[in-house]
Structure formats: structure tokens, C-alpha cells
Amino acid sequence: SKLQRLADSARKHNKGKDLVFAIVGTVTNDLRQLDLSPLNVCALRFTEKARARIVAAGGQCLTFDQLAQIAPTGKGVLLLRGPRDR
């Protein structure tokens, strides 16, 4: 999942206020995404550049263990899935 997809989802859901975007996969940097709003992202892995950009924008990079402590019921968590196989 790229930062572009996260930014699009945040715009779709009112800038992602108080939402945590959960991704079962790797978050990668996307150079085409120029501006990035603060995002709270939970993923299995982050590339170094993606983590640096999320933190620099005022967001958080979380592990699933941290997510379970913050939102044990899943309230305020939006699960993003990858592309489906055809």
C-alpha cells in the first residue's frame, strides 16, 4: 500500500480525524504524493522513507500490538485491503 492510497482514503473519510488506518501489508513511500496530512497508520511493515514522511507530517506509525491497546474493540479503525486477485 502506498502513501497515495492512504492520503486518498483520509480525504474520503473527512481527513481521517481520529481514525487509524490498518493495513495488513507494507506501507511504501510514494514520491508523487507531495503533501501529506497527519495520518495514524497501523501496518505490518513500513519502509524507512514512508515512516519518516508519516511522522514528519504529524502522524503515527503503529504496530498491531499497539493498535490492540489503543482500540481493543476496533472502534475508529478503518481496514484497507489490497487488490483482489481475479
Protein backbone atom coordinates (compact mmCIF):
# COMPACT_ATOMS: atom_id res chain seq x y z
CA SER A 1 0.00 0.00 0.00
CA LYS A 2 1.37 3.35 -0.93
CA LEU A 3 1.07 6.65 0.82
CA GLN A 4 -1.09 7.85 -2.09
CA ARG A 5 -3.77 5.32 -1.23
CA LEU A 6 -3.68 6.32 2.43
CA ALA A 7 -4.00 10.01 1.57
CA ASP A 8 -6.96 9.28 -0.74
CA SER A 9 -8.70 7.29 2.00
CA ALA A 10 -8.10 10.08 4.52
CA ARG A 11 -9.66 12.63 2.16
CA LYS A 12 -12.62 10.35 1.59
CA HIS A 13 -13.21 9.98 5.34
CA ASN A 14 -13.05 13.65 6.38
CA LYS A 15 -9.25 13.89 6.53
CA GLY A 16 -9.05 10.82 8.76
CA LYS A 17 -9.66 12.68 12.01
CA ASP A 18 -9.27 10.25 14.91
CA LEU A 19 -9.13 7.31 12.51
CA VAL A 20 -6.43 4.68 12.42
CA PHE A 21 -5.87 3.15 9.00
CA ALA A 22 -4.95 -0.54 9.37
CA ILE A 23 -3.12 -2.26 6.54
CA VAL A 24 -2.12 -5.92 6.53
CA GLY A 25 0.98 -5.37 4.44
CA THR A 26 3.79 -2.91 3.83
CA VAL A 27 3.40 0.86 3.58
CA THR A 28 5.73 2.26 0.94
CA ASN A 29 6.69 5.80 0.03
CA ASP A 30 5.12 7.46 -3.00
CA LEU A 31 7.08 10.36 -4.46
CA ARG A 32 4.04 11.56 -6.43
CA GLN A 33 2.27 12.40 -3.14
CA LEU A 34 3.57 15.91 -2.44
CA ASP A 35 1.57 16.94 0.62
CA LEU A 36 0.57 14.59 3.38
CA SER A 37 -1.87 15.28 6.19
CA PRO A 38 -1.33 13.76 9.65
CA LEU A 39 -2.27 10.08 9.48
CA ASN A 40 -2.40 7.33 12.08
CA VAL A 41 -1.36 4.15 10.31
CA CYS A 42 -1.06 0.59 11.55
CA ALA A 43 0.78 -1.88 9.30
CA LEU A 44 2.94 -4.96 9.36
CA ARG A 45 5.90 -3.05 7.92
CA PHE A 46 6.87 0.48 6.90
CA THR A 47 9.70 1.45 4.60
CA GLU A 48 12.10 3.94 6.18
CA LYS A 49 11.04 6.78 3.87
CA ALA A 50 7.33 6.14 4.39
CA ARG A 51 7.75 6.08 8.18
CA ALA A 52 9.77 9.31 8.08
CA ARG A 53 7.15 11.09 5.94
CA ILE A 54 4.22 9.98 8.14
CA VAL A 55 5.99 11.09 11.33
CA ALA A 56 7.17 14.37 9.75
CA ALA A 57 3.56 15.16 8.80
CA GLY A 58 2.48 14.74 12.43
CA GLY A 59 1.10 11.21 12.17
CA GLN A 60 1.87 7.93 13.92
CA CYS A 61 3.15 4.57 12.72
CA LEU A 62 1.70 1.79 14.85
CA THR A 63 2.14 -1.95 15.17
CA PHE A 64 -0.85 -4.24 15.55
CA ASP A 65 0.08 -4.76 19.22
CA GLN A 66 -0.10 -1.00 19.80
CA LEU A 67 -3.39 -0.84 17.90
CA ALA A 68 -4.88 -3.55 20.13
CA GLN A 69 -4.05 -1.43 23.19
CA ILE A 70 -5.34 1.82 21.69
CA ALA A 71 -8.55 0.45 20.15
CA PRO A 72 -9.31 -3.03 21.53
CA THR A 73 -12.84 -3.04 20.09
CA GLY A 74 -11.78 -1.71 16.69
CA LYS A 75 -13.78 1.49 17.02
CA GLY A 76 -12.22 4.23 14.89
CA VAL A 77 -10.15 1.76 12.86
CA LEU A 78 -10.51 1.57 9.09
CA LEU A 79 -9.15 -1.59 7.49
CA LEU A 80 -7.74 -1.08 3.99
CA ARG A 81 -7.34 -4.13 1.83
CA GLY A 82 -5.05 -4.77 -1.06
CA PRO A 83 -6.12 -5.54 -4.61
CA ARG A 84 -8.20 -8.65 -5.16
CA ASP A 85 -6.96 -11.42 -7.39
CA ARG A 86 -9.08 -12.03 -10.45
